[in-house]
Structure formats: structure tokens, C-alpha cells
Amino acid sequence: MGQNNNPKSAATKAPQQSNPANNADDGPPSAVVRHLGFIKALAIIMAVLIVAAVSVIVMTIYSRLTASNAAKSIQTNEVAIPADSRVSGASLGAKGEMLLIIEDPAGQQLWQLDAVGEIRRKTLLLHSR
């Protein structure tokens, strides 16, 4: 009867969990651990691409804002008509083209001008007698 059945007197030890990182004989590491360097490289590349995309968007917005101010500048064009003629009508097209009706002693003329102010076509309308 030398044995004591008291649970307090027995030296008990808590079970310890094994750390898979410290045990090499537990098997191969997981896929994430195997490819950790590759995943880090992809994260850095994606961060650089995001910064580049944001900078392109900001530059595009800035260039469009400054281009709209330049497009609003006033354009001055001169068209020389014969001395004995007068402009009896004018019409402006959607893309800046212009149609002039010019009257002279010989009849009427239709002048088609482009957006730059250059004459593209002249049509002479004669009076029949």
C-alpha cells in the first residue's frame, strides 16, 4: 500500500502541440508556403500597375480639361469676294462648314467653305434671258 492514488501527487504533463514549421518530417509544406516568394512578387507588380493606371487616368483628365480651354479660342478667317459682289445669305454646318450665297451682276454664286475657311466649291447660278 505504498501507492497513493491522489491525482495531485502524480506528476501530470499537459499535451503539447507540435509546430509544423519546426518539424521537417511532417510532410511537404503547403502550396502557399512553397510559392510565397512568387506571391510577394505578384503583389508588388500589381501595386506598381495600379499606381501606373491611376497616374494615366489623372493625366488623361488633366489633358482633356486643358484641351477644352484651347478649343474655345476664337478663330479668325478671311474670305475675299469680288468687289462688285455682296453676300446675300450664309449658313453654318454642323462641323463648321459654311455656305455663302454671293450675288454679282452676272447672277448668284454658292460658295462652300470648310471649317478652316478655305473654299472647297464654287457654283455659279446664271440668269437666263
Protein backbone atom coordinates (compact mmCIF):
# COMPACT_ATOMS: atom_id res chain seq x y z
CA MET A 1 0.00 0.00 0.00
CA GLY A 2 2.75 2.31 -0.69
CA GLN A 3 1.00 3.77 -3.67
CA ASN A 4 -1.04 6.89 -3.29
CA ASN A 5 -4.00 7.35 -5.63
CA ASN A 6 -4.17 11.09 -5.10
CA PRO A 7 -4.34 12.87 -8.51
CA LYS A 8 -2.48 15.90 -7.18
CA SER A 9 0.56 14.00 -6.26
CA ALA A 10 1.08 12.46 -9.67
CA ALA A 11 3.29 14.44 -12.00
CA THR A 12 0.99 15.36 -14.84
CA LYS A 13 2.11 16.90 -18.05
CA ALA A 14 -0.14 18.83 -20.46
CA PRO A 15 -0.13 17.56 -24.03
CA GLN A 16 1.95 19.77 -26.26
CA GLN A 17 1.07 20.54 -29.83
CA SER A 18 3.72 20.05 -32.38
CA ASN A 19 4.65 23.03 -34.57
CA PRO A 20 4.57 22.01 -38.26
CA ALA A 21 7.12 24.65 -39.16
CA ASN A 22 9.71 23.14 -36.82
CA ASN A 23 9.16 19.51 -37.77
CA ALA A 24 10.68 18.67 -41.12
CA ASP A 25 9.35 15.13 -41.06
CA ASP A 26 5.65 16.19 -41.04
CA GLY A 27 5.49 16.21 -44.83
CA PRO A 28 5.90 18.75 -47.60
CA PRO A 29 4.96 22.39 -46.88
CA SER A 30 1.66 23.76 -48.17
CA ALA A 31 1.32 25.39 -51.58
CA VAL A 32 1.17 28.86 -50.06
CA VAL A 33 4.44 28.35 -48.22
CA ARG A 34 6.12 26.86 -51.29
CA HIS A 35 5.14 29.79 -53.53
CA LEU A 36 5.39 32.63 -51.01
CA GLY A 37 8.15 34.43 -52.93
CA PHE A 38 6.16 34.26 -56.16
CA ILE A 39 3.04 35.60 -54.41
CA LYS A 40 5.03 38.51 -52.97
CA ALA A 41 6.45 39.35 -56.41
CA LEU A 42 2.96 39.33 -57.95
CA ALA A 43 1.66 41.63 -55.19
CA ILE A 44 4.46 44.13 -55.86
CA ILE A 45 3.86 44.01 -59.62
CA MET A 46 0.12 44.58 -59.14
CA ALA A 47 0.80 47.55 -56.85
CA VAL A 48 3.04 49.12 -59.49
CA LEU A 49 0.39 48.55 -62.17
CA ILE A 50 -2.30 50.15 -60.01
CA VAL A 51 -0.14 53.24 -59.45
CA ALA A 52 0.57 53.46 -63.21
CA ALA A 53 -3.14 53.13 -64.08
CA VAL A 54 -4.15 55.85 -61.62
CA SER A 55 -1.48 58.18 -62.99
CA VAL A 56 -2.65 57.58 -66.57
CA ILE A 57 -6.24 58.35 -65.56
CA VAL A 58 -5.21 61.57 -63.80
CA MET A 59 -3.09 62.70 -66.78
CA THR A 60 -5.93 61.95 -69.22
CA ILE A 61 -8.40 64.01 -67.19
CA TYR A 62 -5.91 66.85 -66.91
CA SER A 63 -5.13 66.89 -70.64
CA ARG A 64 -8.83 66.88 -71.55
CA LEU A 65 -9.53 69.77 -69.21
CA THR A 66 -6.72 71.85 -70.67
CA ALA A 67 -7.61 70.90 -74.27
CA SER A 68 -11.18 72.12 -73.81
CA ASN A 69 -9.88 75.59 -72.91
CA ALA A 70 -7.71 75.68 -76.04
CA ALA A 71 -10.63 74.61 -78.26
CA LYS A 72 -12.71 77.55 -77.06
CA SER A 73 -10.33 80.11 -78.55
CA ILE A 74 -11.69 82.39 -81.26
CA GLN A 75 -10.74 81.56 -84.83
CA THR A 76 -10.43 84.31 -87.40
CA ASN A 77 -10.70 83.50 -91.10
CA GLU A 78 -10.85 85.85 -94.09
CA VAL A 79 -12.60 85.18 -97.39
CA ALA A 80 -12.07 87.59 -100.28
CA ILE A 81 -15.10 88.12 -102.54
CA PRO A 82 -15.14 90.12 -105.78
CA ALA A 83 -15.54 93.91 -105.43
CA ASP A 84 -18.85 94.15 -107.30
CA SER A 85 -20.46 91.31 -105.25
CA ARG A 86 -22.34 91.11 -101.97
CA VAL A 87 -23.17 88.26 -99.59
CA SER A 88 -26.93 87.76 -99.57
CA GLY A 89 -27.01 84.71 -97.31
CA ALA A 90 -24.87 82.46 -95.16
CA SER A 91 -25.43 79.12 -93.46
CA LEU A 92 -23.25 77.30 -90.95
CA GLY A 93 -22.99 73.49 -90.97
CA ALA A 94 -22.59 71.07 -88.05
CA LYS A 95 -18.82 70.60 -88.43
CA GLY A 96 -18.00 74.27 -89.02
CA GLU A 97 -18.60 74.27 -92.78
CA MET A 98 -20.19 77.36 -94.28
CA LEU A 99 -22.33 78.02 -97.34
CA LEU A 100 -22.28 81.57 -98.75
CA ILE A 101 -24.71 82.97 -101.32
CA ILE A 102 -22.99 85.73 -103.24
CA GLU A 103 -24.80 87.97 -105.70
CA ASP A 104 -22.99 89.78 -108.51
CA PRO A 105 -24.12 91.38 -111.82
CA ALA A 106 -23.80 88.06 -113.67
CA GLY A 107 -26.01 86.09 -111.22
CA GLN A 108 -25.58 84.25 -107.96
CA GLN A 109 -22.80 82.02 -106.69
CA LEU A 110 -22.79 79.38 -103.98
CA TRP A 111 -19.52 79.08 -102.14
CA GLN A 112 -18.88 76.09 -99.89
CA LEU A 113 -16.17 76.68 -97.29
CA ASP A 114 -14.66 74.12 -94.92
CA ALA A 115 -14.11 74.63 -91.19
CA VAL A 116 -10.71 76.22 -91.80
CA GLY A 117 -12.19 78.85 -94.13
CA GLU A 118 -10.86 77.51 -97.43
CA ILE A 119 -13.16 77.48 -100.44
CA ARG A 120 -14.00 73.91 -101.42
CA ARG A 121 -16.52 74.51 -104.20
CA LYS A 122 -17.98 77.41 -106.18
CA THR A 123 -21.25 77.03 -108.06
CA LEU A 124 -22.33 79.78 -110.45
CA LEU A 125 -26.06 80.35 -111.00
CA LEU A 126 -26.68 82.39 -114.15
CA HIS A 127 -29.78 84.40 -115.07
CA SER A 128 -31.43 83.04 -118.19
CA ARG A 129 -32.65 85.60 -120.77
